Each structure stands twice: as C-alpha cells, then as structure tokens.
N, C-alpha and C. Protein backbone atom coordinates (compact mmCIF):
# COMPACT_ATOMS: atom_id res chain seq x y z
N MET A 1 -51.33 -60.73 8.93
CA MET A 1 -51.33 -60.02 7.66
C MET A 1 -51.50 -58.53 7.95
N GLU A 2 -50.56 -57.76 7.52
CA GLU A 2 -50.57 -56.33 7.79
C GLU A 2 -51.39 -55.59 6.73
N MET A 3 -52.22 -54.65 7.21
CA MET A 3 -53.00 -53.82 6.29
C MET A 3 -52.17 -52.60 5.92
N ASN A 4 -52.08 -52.32 4.62
CA ASN A 4 -51.33 -51.16 4.16
C ASN A 4 -52.24 -50.06 3.61
N TYR A 5 -53.45 -50.45 3.20
CA TYR A 5 -54.38 -49.50 2.58
C TYR A 5 -55.75 -49.62 3.21
N CYS A 6 -56.47 -48.50 3.27
CA CYS A 6 -57.80 -48.47 3.85
C CYS A 6 -58.75 -49.33 3.03
N MET A 7 -59.49 -50.21 3.71
CA MET A 7 -60.42 -51.08 3.01
C MET A 7 -61.67 -50.33 2.55
N GLN A 8 -61.88 -49.11 3.02
CA GLN A 8 -63.04 -48.31 2.61
C GLN A 8 -62.73 -47.43 1.40
N CYS A 9 -61.56 -46.74 1.43
CA CYS A 9 -61.30 -45.75 0.38
C CYS A 9 -60.00 -46.00 -0.39
N GLY A 10 -59.14 -46.89 0.09
CA GLY A 10 -57.92 -47.22 -0.62
C GLY A 10 -56.72 -46.34 -0.29
N THR A 11 -56.87 -45.38 0.61
CA THR A 11 -55.76 -44.51 1.00
C THR A 11 -54.70 -45.31 1.76
N LYS A 12 -53.43 -44.98 1.53
CA LYS A 12 -52.35 -45.63 2.27
C LYS A 12 -52.50 -45.30 3.75
N LEU A 13 -52.45 -46.32 4.58
CA LEU A 13 -52.62 -46.13 6.02
C LEU A 13 -51.34 -45.66 6.68
N GLN A 14 -51.52 -44.86 7.73
CA GLN A 14 -50.41 -44.37 8.55
C GLN A 14 -50.57 -45.01 9.93
N ILE A 15 -49.48 -45.21 10.62
CA ILE A 15 -49.57 -45.73 11.99
C ILE A 15 -49.75 -44.54 12.93
N ARG A 16 -50.80 -44.62 13.75
CA ARG A 16 -51.06 -43.59 14.76
C ARG A 16 -51.23 -44.27 16.10
N HIS A 17 -50.88 -43.54 17.12
CA HIS A 17 -51.04 -44.08 18.48
C HIS A 17 -52.47 -43.85 18.95
N HIS A 18 -53.13 -44.91 19.35
CA HIS A 18 -54.46 -44.85 19.95
C HIS A 18 -54.25 -44.92 21.47
N PRO A 19 -54.92 -44.05 22.23
CA PRO A 19 -54.64 -43.97 23.67
C PRO A 19 -54.85 -45.28 24.44
N THR A 20 -55.75 -46.13 24.00
CA THR A 20 -55.97 -47.38 24.74
C THR A 20 -55.57 -48.64 23.96
N GLU A 21 -55.32 -48.52 22.66
CA GLU A 21 -55.03 -49.69 21.83
C GLU A 21 -53.58 -49.76 21.36
N GLY A 22 -52.81 -48.69 21.50
CA GLY A 22 -51.42 -48.70 21.02
C GLY A 22 -51.34 -48.18 19.60
N ASP A 23 -50.31 -48.61 18.86
CA ASP A 23 -50.11 -48.17 17.48
C ASP A 23 -51.02 -48.95 16.54
N ILE A 24 -51.88 -48.21 15.85
CA ILE A 24 -52.92 -48.80 15.00
C ILE A 24 -52.88 -48.11 13.63
N PRO A 25 -53.11 -48.86 12.54
CA PRO A 25 -53.23 -48.21 11.23
C PRO A 25 -54.38 -47.20 11.23
N PHE A 26 -54.13 -46.03 10.60
CA PHE A 26 -55.11 -44.95 10.58
C PHE A 26 -55.27 -44.43 9.17
N CYS A 27 -56.52 -44.19 8.76
CA CYS A 27 -56.81 -43.62 7.45
C CYS A 27 -57.09 -42.13 7.63
N GLU A 28 -56.23 -41.29 7.06
CA GLU A 28 -56.43 -39.84 7.18
C GLU A 28 -57.62 -39.36 6.36
N THR A 29 -57.92 -40.03 5.24
CA THR A 29 -59.06 -39.64 4.41
C THR A 29 -60.38 -39.89 5.14
N CYS A 30 -60.52 -41.08 5.73
CA CYS A 30 -61.74 -41.44 6.45
C CYS A 30 -61.74 -40.94 7.90
N ASP A 31 -60.57 -40.50 8.37
CA ASP A 31 -60.40 -40.07 9.76
C ASP A 31 -60.82 -41.19 10.72
N ALA A 32 -60.27 -42.41 10.46
CA ALA A 32 -60.69 -43.56 11.26
C ALA A 32 -59.53 -44.55 11.40
N PHE A 33 -59.48 -45.17 12.59
CA PHE A 33 -58.54 -46.26 12.81
C PHE A 33 -59.06 -47.48 12.05
N ARG A 34 -58.15 -48.28 11.53
CA ARG A 34 -58.50 -49.50 10.80
C ARG A 34 -57.88 -50.69 11.51
N TYR A 35 -58.73 -51.51 12.08
CA TYR A 35 -58.27 -52.66 12.85
C TYR A 35 -58.09 -53.87 11.94
N PRO A 36 -57.30 -54.85 12.37
CA PRO A 36 -57.01 -56.01 11.52
C PRO A 36 -58.26 -56.75 11.03
N VAL A 37 -58.15 -57.24 9.82
CA VAL A 37 -59.22 -58.02 9.21
C VAL A 37 -58.65 -59.41 8.96
N PHE A 38 -59.43 -60.43 9.28
CA PHE A 38 -58.99 -61.80 9.07
C PHE A 38 -60.20 -62.68 8.80
N ASN A 39 -59.93 -63.86 8.28
CA ASN A 39 -60.98 -64.85 8.04
C ASN A 39 -61.31 -65.56 9.34
N THR A 40 -62.50 -66.13 9.40
CA THR A 40 -62.89 -66.96 10.54
C THR A 40 -63.38 -68.29 9.99
N ALA A 41 -62.84 -69.36 10.54
CA ALA A 41 -63.22 -70.70 10.09
C ALA A 41 -63.45 -71.59 11.30
N VAL A 42 -64.11 -72.70 11.04
CA VAL A 42 -64.38 -73.70 12.07
C VAL A 42 -63.75 -75.03 11.64
N SER A 43 -63.28 -75.78 12.62
CA SER A 43 -62.86 -77.15 12.38
C SER A 43 -63.58 -78.00 13.43
N MET A 44 -63.92 -79.22 13.02
CA MET A 44 -64.75 -80.03 13.88
C MET A 44 -64.17 -81.42 14.14
N ILE A 45 -64.17 -81.79 15.40
CA ILE A 45 -63.91 -83.17 15.80
C ILE A 45 -65.30 -83.81 15.80
N VAL A 46 -65.60 -84.55 14.74
CA VAL A 46 -66.93 -85.15 14.57
C VAL A 46 -66.90 -86.54 15.18
N MET A 47 -67.79 -86.75 16.16
CA MET A 47 -67.84 -88.03 16.87
C MET A 47 -69.19 -88.70 16.70
N ASN A 48 -69.19 -90.03 16.76
CA ASN A 48 -70.43 -90.79 16.69
C ASN A 48 -71.24 -90.57 17.97
N PRO A 49 -72.51 -90.99 18.00
CA PRO A 49 -73.35 -90.74 19.18
C PRO A 49 -72.79 -91.31 20.48
N GLU A 50 -72.06 -92.42 20.39
CA GLU A 50 -71.49 -93.05 21.59
C GLU A 50 -70.16 -92.41 22.02
N LYS A 51 -69.65 -91.50 21.19
CA LYS A 51 -68.38 -90.81 21.44
C LYS A 51 -67.20 -91.78 21.50
N THR A 52 -67.26 -92.83 20.67
CA THR A 52 -66.18 -93.82 20.62
C THR A 52 -65.40 -93.75 19.32
N LYS A 53 -65.92 -93.01 18.33
CA LYS A 53 -65.27 -92.92 17.03
C LYS A 53 -65.22 -91.47 16.57
N VAL A 54 -64.19 -91.19 15.75
CA VAL A 54 -63.98 -89.87 15.16
C VAL A 54 -63.90 -90.06 13.65
N ILE A 55 -64.57 -89.17 12.91
CA ILE A 55 -64.45 -89.23 11.46
C ILE A 55 -63.35 -88.28 11.00
N LEU A 56 -62.48 -88.79 10.13
CA LEU A 56 -61.44 -87.97 9.52
C LEU A 56 -61.64 -88.03 8.01
N ILE A 57 -61.23 -86.96 7.33
CA ILE A 57 -61.45 -86.86 5.89
C ILE A 57 -60.14 -86.56 5.16
N LYS A 58 -60.13 -86.85 3.88
CA LYS A 58 -59.09 -86.40 2.97
C LYS A 58 -59.80 -85.57 1.91
N GLN A 59 -59.16 -84.48 1.48
CA GLN A 59 -59.78 -83.66 0.43
C GLN A 59 -58.75 -82.97 -0.44
N TYR A 60 -59.24 -82.57 -1.61
CA TYR A 60 -58.45 -81.80 -2.60
C TYR A 60 -57.18 -82.53 -3.04
N GLY A 61 -57.24 -83.85 -3.10
CA GLY A 61 -56.12 -84.64 -3.59
C GLY A 61 -54.95 -84.76 -2.64
N ARG A 62 -55.11 -84.29 -1.43
CA ARG A 62 -54.01 -84.37 -0.46
C ARG A 62 -54.02 -85.75 0.22
N PRO A 63 -52.84 -86.24 0.63
CA PRO A 63 -52.74 -87.62 1.11
C PRO A 63 -53.08 -87.85 2.59
N HIS A 64 -53.25 -86.78 3.37
CA HIS A 64 -53.39 -86.95 4.82
C HIS A 64 -54.83 -86.78 5.29
N TYR A 65 -55.14 -87.46 6.39
CA TYR A 65 -56.43 -87.29 7.04
C TYR A 65 -56.41 -86.02 7.89
N ILE A 66 -57.52 -85.28 7.85
CA ILE A 66 -57.68 -84.04 8.61
C ILE A 66 -59.08 -84.01 9.21
N LEU A 67 -59.40 -82.94 9.91
CA LEU A 67 -60.74 -82.73 10.45
C LEU A 67 -61.63 -82.05 9.41
N VAL A 68 -62.92 -82.22 9.55
CA VAL A 68 -63.88 -81.46 8.74
C VAL A 68 -63.73 -80.00 9.13
N ALA A 69 -63.75 -79.10 8.15
CA ALA A 69 -63.56 -77.67 8.43
C ALA A 69 -64.21 -76.83 7.34
N GLY A 70 -64.41 -75.56 7.64
CA GLY A 70 -64.95 -74.64 6.65
C GLY A 70 -65.04 -73.24 7.22
N TYR A 71 -65.32 -72.28 6.34
CA TYR A 71 -65.39 -70.88 6.75
C TYR A 71 -66.74 -70.51 7.32
N VAL A 72 -66.72 -69.54 8.23
CA VAL A 72 -67.94 -68.98 8.80
C VAL A 72 -68.46 -67.93 7.82
N ASN A 73 -69.72 -68.03 7.46
CA ASN A 73 -70.32 -67.06 6.56
C ASN A 73 -70.66 -65.77 7.29
N LYS A 74 -70.68 -64.65 6.56
CA LYS A 74 -71.06 -63.36 7.14
C LYS A 74 -72.44 -63.49 7.77
N GLY A 75 -72.55 -63.04 9.02
CA GLY A 75 -73.82 -63.06 9.74
C GLY A 75 -74.13 -64.39 10.41
N GLU A 76 -73.24 -65.36 10.30
CA GLU A 76 -73.47 -66.70 10.84
C GLU A 76 -72.73 -66.87 12.16
N ASP A 77 -73.38 -67.48 13.14
CA ASP A 77 -72.70 -67.83 14.39
C ASP A 77 -71.76 -69.01 14.13
N ALA A 78 -70.66 -69.07 14.84
CA ALA A 78 -69.68 -70.14 14.64
C ALA A 78 -70.28 -71.51 14.90
N GLU A 79 -71.13 -71.64 15.91
CA GLU A 79 -71.76 -72.93 16.20
C GLU A 79 -72.63 -73.39 15.04
N ASP A 80 -73.35 -72.45 14.44
CA ASP A 80 -74.18 -72.78 13.28
C ASP A 80 -73.32 -73.17 12.09
N ALA A 81 -72.18 -72.50 11.92
CA ALA A 81 -71.25 -72.83 10.83
C ALA A 81 -70.71 -74.25 11.02
N ALA A 82 -70.39 -74.61 12.24
CA ALA A 82 -69.88 -75.96 12.52
C ALA A 82 -70.92 -77.02 12.13
N ALA A 83 -72.15 -76.83 12.55
CA ALA A 83 -73.21 -77.79 12.21
C ALA A 83 -73.47 -77.80 10.70
N ARG A 84 -73.45 -76.63 10.07
CA ARG A 84 -73.69 -76.54 8.62
C ARG A 84 -72.60 -77.25 7.83
N GLU A 85 -71.34 -77.02 8.19
CA GLU A 85 -70.23 -77.65 7.47
C GLU A 85 -70.27 -79.17 7.60
N VAL A 86 -70.60 -79.68 8.77
CA VAL A 86 -70.72 -81.13 8.96
C VAL A 86 -71.83 -81.67 8.06
N LYS A 87 -72.94 -80.97 8.00
CA LYS A 87 -74.06 -81.39 7.14
C LYS A 87 -73.67 -81.32 5.67
N GLU A 88 -73.06 -80.21 5.25
CA GLU A 88 -72.70 -80.03 3.84
C GLU A 88 -71.64 -81.02 3.38
N GLU A 89 -70.58 -81.18 4.16
CA GLU A 89 -69.44 -81.97 3.70
C GLU A 89 -69.62 -83.47 3.87
N ILE A 90 -70.23 -83.90 4.98
CA ILE A 90 -70.35 -85.34 5.19
C ILE A 90 -71.79 -85.81 5.42
N GLY A 91 -72.75 -84.90 5.29
CA GLY A 91 -74.16 -85.28 5.32
C GLY A 91 -74.69 -85.75 6.66
N LEU A 92 -74.03 -85.38 7.75
CA LEU A 92 -74.48 -85.80 9.08
C LEU A 92 -75.09 -84.62 9.83
N THR A 93 -76.08 -84.93 10.66
CA THR A 93 -76.78 -83.91 11.44
C THR A 93 -76.19 -83.83 12.84
N ALA A 94 -75.87 -82.62 13.25
CA ALA A 94 -75.30 -82.39 14.58
C ALA A 94 -76.36 -82.56 15.65
N LYS A 95 -76.00 -83.33 16.65
CA LYS A 95 -76.85 -83.51 17.84
C LYS A 95 -76.43 -82.50 18.91
N SER A 96 -75.11 -82.26 18.99
CA SER A 96 -74.59 -81.24 19.91
C SER A 96 -73.31 -80.65 19.32
N VAL A 97 -73.07 -79.38 19.64
CA VAL A 97 -71.89 -78.65 19.17
C VAL A 97 -71.28 -77.98 20.39
N HIS A 98 -70.00 -78.28 20.65
CA HIS A 98 -69.32 -77.75 21.83
C HIS A 98 -67.99 -77.12 21.43
N PHE A 99 -67.79 -75.87 21.83
CA PHE A 99 -66.54 -75.16 21.53
C PHE A 99 -65.39 -75.74 22.35
N ASN A 100 -64.23 -75.92 21.68
CA ASN A 100 -63.05 -76.45 22.37
C ASN A 100 -61.96 -75.39 22.56
N HIS A 101 -61.49 -74.83 21.44
CA HIS A 101 -60.31 -73.96 21.51
C HIS A 101 -60.21 -73.17 20.20
N SER A 102 -59.42 -72.10 20.23
CA SER A 102 -59.17 -71.32 19.01
C SER A 102 -57.68 -71.19 18.79
N HIS A 103 -57.31 -70.88 17.54
CA HIS A 103 -55.91 -70.63 17.21
C HIS A 103 -55.85 -69.82 15.93
N TYR A 104 -55.04 -68.75 15.94
CA TYR A 104 -54.84 -67.96 14.73
C TYR A 104 -53.85 -68.68 13.83
N PHE A 105 -54.22 -68.89 12.56
CA PHE A 105 -53.40 -69.60 11.58
C PHE A 105 -52.92 -68.60 10.54
N ALA A 106 -51.68 -68.14 10.69
CA ALA A 106 -51.13 -67.07 9.86
C ALA A 106 -51.09 -67.39 8.37
N PRO A 107 -50.75 -68.62 7.93
CA PRO A 107 -50.64 -68.85 6.49
C PRO A 107 -51.90 -68.49 5.69
N SER A 108 -53.07 -68.62 6.29
CA SER A 108 -54.29 -68.24 5.58
C SER A 108 -54.99 -67.05 6.24
N ASN A 109 -54.30 -66.37 7.19
CA ASN A 109 -54.87 -65.22 7.89
C ASN A 109 -56.25 -65.56 8.46
N THR A 110 -56.31 -66.70 9.17
CA THR A 110 -57.59 -67.24 9.63
C THR A 110 -57.57 -67.53 11.12
N LEU A 111 -58.62 -67.08 11.81
CA LEU A 111 -58.85 -67.48 13.18
C LEU A 111 -59.64 -68.78 13.12
N MET A 112 -59.02 -69.88 13.55
CA MET A 112 -59.67 -71.19 13.54
C MET A 112 -60.35 -71.43 14.88
N LEU A 113 -61.60 -71.79 14.83
CA LEU A 113 -62.39 -72.10 16.03
C LEU A 113 -62.72 -73.59 15.97
N ASN A 114 -62.28 -74.33 16.97
CA ASN A 114 -62.48 -75.77 16.96
C ASN A 114 -63.63 -76.18 17.86
N PHE A 115 -64.42 -77.11 17.36
CA PHE A 115 -65.60 -77.62 18.06
C PHE A 115 -65.59 -79.14 18.07
N THR A 116 -66.26 -79.72 19.04
CA THR A 116 -66.62 -81.13 18.99
C THR A 116 -68.08 -81.18 18.59
N VAL A 117 -68.36 -81.97 17.55
CA VAL A 117 -69.73 -82.14 17.08
C VAL A 117 -70.10 -83.61 17.24
N ILE A 118 -71.10 -83.87 18.07
CA ILE A 118 -71.65 -85.22 18.20
C ILE A 118 -72.79 -85.29 17.19
N VAL A 119 -72.75 -86.31 16.34
CA VAL A 119 -73.76 -86.44 15.29
C VAL A 119 -74.82 -87.46 15.67
N GLU A 120 -75.96 -87.38 14.99
CA GLU A 120 -77.10 -88.25 15.31
C GLU A 120 -76.89 -89.69 14.87
N ASP A 121 -76.16 -89.90 13.76
CA ASP A 121 -75.91 -91.25 13.28
C ASP A 121 -74.57 -91.30 12.57
N GLN A 122 -74.23 -92.42 11.97
CA GLN A 122 -72.93 -92.58 11.32
C GLN A 122 -73.04 -92.82 9.82
N ASP A 123 -74.21 -92.56 9.24
CA ASP A 123 -74.47 -92.83 7.82
C ASP A 123 -73.99 -91.65 6.98
N VAL A 124 -72.72 -91.66 6.61
CA VAL A 124 -72.07 -90.54 5.92
C VAL A 124 -72.51 -90.47 4.46
N HIS A 125 -72.76 -89.24 4.00
CA HIS A 125 -73.05 -88.93 2.59
C HIS A 125 -72.16 -87.76 2.22
N ALA A 126 -70.90 -88.07 1.86
CA ALA A 126 -69.91 -87.03 1.59
C ALA A 126 -70.23 -86.29 0.29
N ASN A 127 -69.92 -84.99 0.27
CA ASN A 127 -70.13 -84.19 -0.94
C ASN A 127 -68.87 -84.20 -1.81
N TRP A 128 -68.86 -83.40 -2.85
CA TRP A 128 -67.78 -83.36 -3.83
C TRP A 128 -66.45 -82.89 -3.26
N GLU A 129 -66.47 -82.19 -2.12
CA GLU A 129 -65.23 -81.68 -1.52
C GLU A 129 -64.40 -82.78 -0.86
N ILE A 130 -65.01 -83.90 -0.57
CA ILE A 130 -64.36 -84.97 0.19
C ILE A 130 -63.88 -86.07 -0.75
N ASP A 131 -62.58 -86.34 -0.72
CA ASP A 131 -62.01 -87.44 -1.52
C ASP A 131 -62.29 -88.78 -0.87
N CYS A 132 -62.12 -88.86 0.44
CA CYS A 132 -62.46 -90.07 1.18
C CYS A 132 -62.62 -89.72 2.65
N TRP A 133 -63.25 -90.60 3.35
CA TRP A 133 -63.51 -90.40 4.78
C TRP A 133 -63.47 -91.77 5.45
N ARG A 134 -63.32 -91.72 6.77
CA ARG A 134 -63.34 -92.97 7.52
C ARG A 134 -63.58 -92.69 8.99
N TRP A 135 -64.39 -93.54 9.61
CA TRP A 135 -64.55 -93.50 11.05
C TRP A 135 -63.36 -94.24 11.68
N PHE A 136 -62.73 -93.64 12.68
CA PHE A 136 -61.61 -94.25 13.39
C PHE A 136 -61.94 -94.32 14.87
N SER A 137 -61.37 -95.33 15.55
CA SER A 137 -61.41 -95.30 17.01
C SER A 137 -60.62 -94.07 17.43
N ILE A 138 -60.79 -93.65 18.65
CA ILE A 138 -60.10 -92.46 19.12
C ILE A 138 -58.59 -92.65 19.03
N GLU A 139 -58.08 -93.78 19.47
CA GLU A 139 -56.63 -94.04 19.42
C GLU A 139 -56.12 -94.09 17.99
N GLU A 140 -56.89 -94.70 17.08
CA GLU A 140 -56.47 -94.79 15.69
C GLU A 140 -56.51 -93.40 15.02
N ALA A 141 -57.50 -92.58 15.37
CA ALA A 141 -57.59 -91.22 14.82
C ALA A 141 -56.35 -90.42 15.18
N LYS A 142 -55.86 -90.57 16.40
CA LYS A 142 -54.64 -89.87 16.82
C LYS A 142 -53.44 -90.28 15.98
N LYS A 143 -53.41 -91.52 15.53
CA LYS A 143 -52.30 -92.01 14.71
C LYS A 143 -52.44 -91.61 13.25
N GLN A 144 -53.68 -91.47 12.78
CA GLN A 144 -53.93 -91.24 11.35
C GLN A 144 -53.98 -89.78 10.94
N ILE A 145 -54.25 -88.88 11.88
CA ILE A 145 -54.39 -87.46 11.52
C ILE A 145 -53.05 -86.89 11.07
N LYS A 146 -53.09 -85.92 10.19
CA LYS A 146 -51.88 -85.35 9.59
C LYS A 146 -50.90 -84.87 10.67
N PRO A 147 -49.70 -85.44 10.69
CA PRO A 147 -48.71 -85.05 11.70
C PRO A 147 -48.30 -83.58 11.55
N GLY A 148 -48.16 -82.90 12.68
CA GLY A 148 -47.70 -81.51 12.69
C GLY A 148 -48.72 -80.50 12.22
N SER A 149 -49.96 -80.94 12.05
CA SER A 149 -51.00 -80.05 11.52
C SER A 149 -51.80 -79.39 12.64
N LEU A 150 -52.52 -78.35 12.28
CA LEU A 150 -53.45 -77.71 13.20
C LEU A 150 -54.54 -78.70 13.61
N ALA A 151 -54.97 -79.54 12.66
CA ALA A 151 -55.98 -80.57 12.96
C ALA A 151 -55.47 -81.50 14.06
N GLU A 152 -54.21 -81.91 13.96
CA GLU A 152 -53.65 -82.79 14.99
C GLU A 152 -53.62 -82.08 16.35
N ALA A 153 -53.22 -80.82 16.35
CA ALA A 153 -53.17 -80.06 17.61
C ALA A 153 -54.55 -79.95 18.24
N PHE A 154 -55.57 -79.68 17.44
CA PHE A 154 -56.93 -79.60 17.99
C PHE A 154 -57.41 -80.95 18.50
N LEU A 155 -57.20 -82.01 17.73
CA LEU A 155 -57.64 -83.35 18.16
C LEU A 155 -56.94 -83.77 19.44
N ASN A 156 -55.62 -83.68 19.46
CA ASN A 156 -54.88 -84.09 20.66
C ASN A 156 -55.19 -83.19 21.85
N GLY A 157 -55.36 -81.91 21.60
CA GLY A 157 -55.72 -81.00 22.69
C GLY A 157 -57.05 -81.35 23.31
N TYR A 158 -58.02 -81.64 22.46
CA TYR A 158 -59.34 -82.04 22.96
C TYR A 158 -59.26 -83.34 23.75
N LEU A 159 -58.53 -84.31 23.21
CA LEU A 159 -58.47 -85.63 23.84
C LEU A 159 -57.58 -85.66 25.07
N ASP A 160 -56.46 -84.93 25.04
CA ASP A 160 -55.47 -84.99 26.12
C ASP A 160 -55.49 -83.78 27.05
N GLY A 161 -56.16 -82.71 26.64
CA GLY A 161 -56.24 -81.52 27.47
C GLY A 161 -55.09 -80.54 27.32
N THR A 162 -54.12 -80.85 26.45
CA THR A 162 -52.98 -79.96 26.24
C THR A 162 -52.90 -79.60 24.76
N TYR A 163 -52.98 -78.31 24.47
CA TYR A 163 -52.94 -77.83 23.09
C TYR A 163 -51.53 -77.39 22.75
N ALA A 164 -50.90 -78.07 21.78
CA ALA A 164 -49.56 -77.73 21.32
C ALA A 164 -49.65 -77.42 19.84
N PHE A 165 -49.72 -76.14 19.50
CA PHE A 165 -49.94 -75.73 18.13
C PHE A 165 -48.64 -75.66 17.34
N PRO A 166 -48.72 -76.04 16.04
CA PRO A 166 -47.52 -75.95 15.19
C PRO A 166 -47.15 -74.49 14.97
N ARG A 167 -45.90 -74.25 14.73
CA ARG A 167 -45.46 -72.89 14.38
C ARG A 167 -46.00 -72.54 13.00
N ASN A 168 -46.53 -71.33 12.88
CA ASN A 168 -47.10 -70.91 11.58
C ASN A 168 -46.02 -70.63 10.58
C-alpha cells in the first residue's frame, strides 16, 4: 500500500532519494522521510499437548477451515498476541509459543507472523468470533484447511519445511 500523504500533517508526499534507503516518500512540511505503515497480525498453528492434533476454525460465515489469527495490539509483543488470541478466541491457555515464519499479505496490508502454540489442554471455549472449530489429526488438518490460503501455506510450511505462499 503506497502512502500518498503525510500521516502527521496531511501534506502530499514527494519521493526523495535517501542516501542509504533509496527513493522514499518525504514530507516537505515536516522535513521528514515517511516509511511504509502496515498492520501486524499473528496466525497460530494450535496443537494439543501431545502435538498430535491441530485445531482449525471457521468464522464470519465463511465455509472453510483456517488457523486462529488476530492483530497485534500497539505495545504488545507478537508472542504475547499469539497467546492472547488463542485464549480470547478458543479459550485455551498457551503452554509454549514458537515463531515459525512471516509473510506480507498485500490484500490487507498486513505482515503476518505465524507461530506454533502448544496448549495446556483441549477443552475449547470458543468466543463469538468462531462459528465452529474442530481438532484434526495432522494429516486431516492438511486436507481440511482452506486450499490456496495463507493459512494452508503456514500449516504446510511448518509441517513439511517448505513455505509456498499464494500470490497476493
């Protein structure tokens, strides 16, 4: 997503050459370079304590299974956001949180950070955001996750070691 106006004062930005960064939007009013702004979100491969099952969810009336995900709040570490979203959306407590991979998702101007979250138990208490959820074996989760999605790329990348992201 290209910035056209200064987020501080609203002046139309000009492209200026920065000696070490290249061509960067510049605000003449503020006399400052303006670097890209984007959202940051987390997605989680939530596994049972034995690491034999993965929980997938459906939400917002959509028909496909996806990973639990949510935005990182201002001032929040990504690992804390991952544990918080798992607790908020499916009511499970994180036992461990491990970073897997990241990918910029252009349609929502979001840097997605993927984690594996091992939870303490499997007693799900889904909130209003979740239409349905289900624990799947690892092989079944690979078959059930939304085809061609970022969620599928993260899950398969984590499980197989090769990340093949969909074109944005």
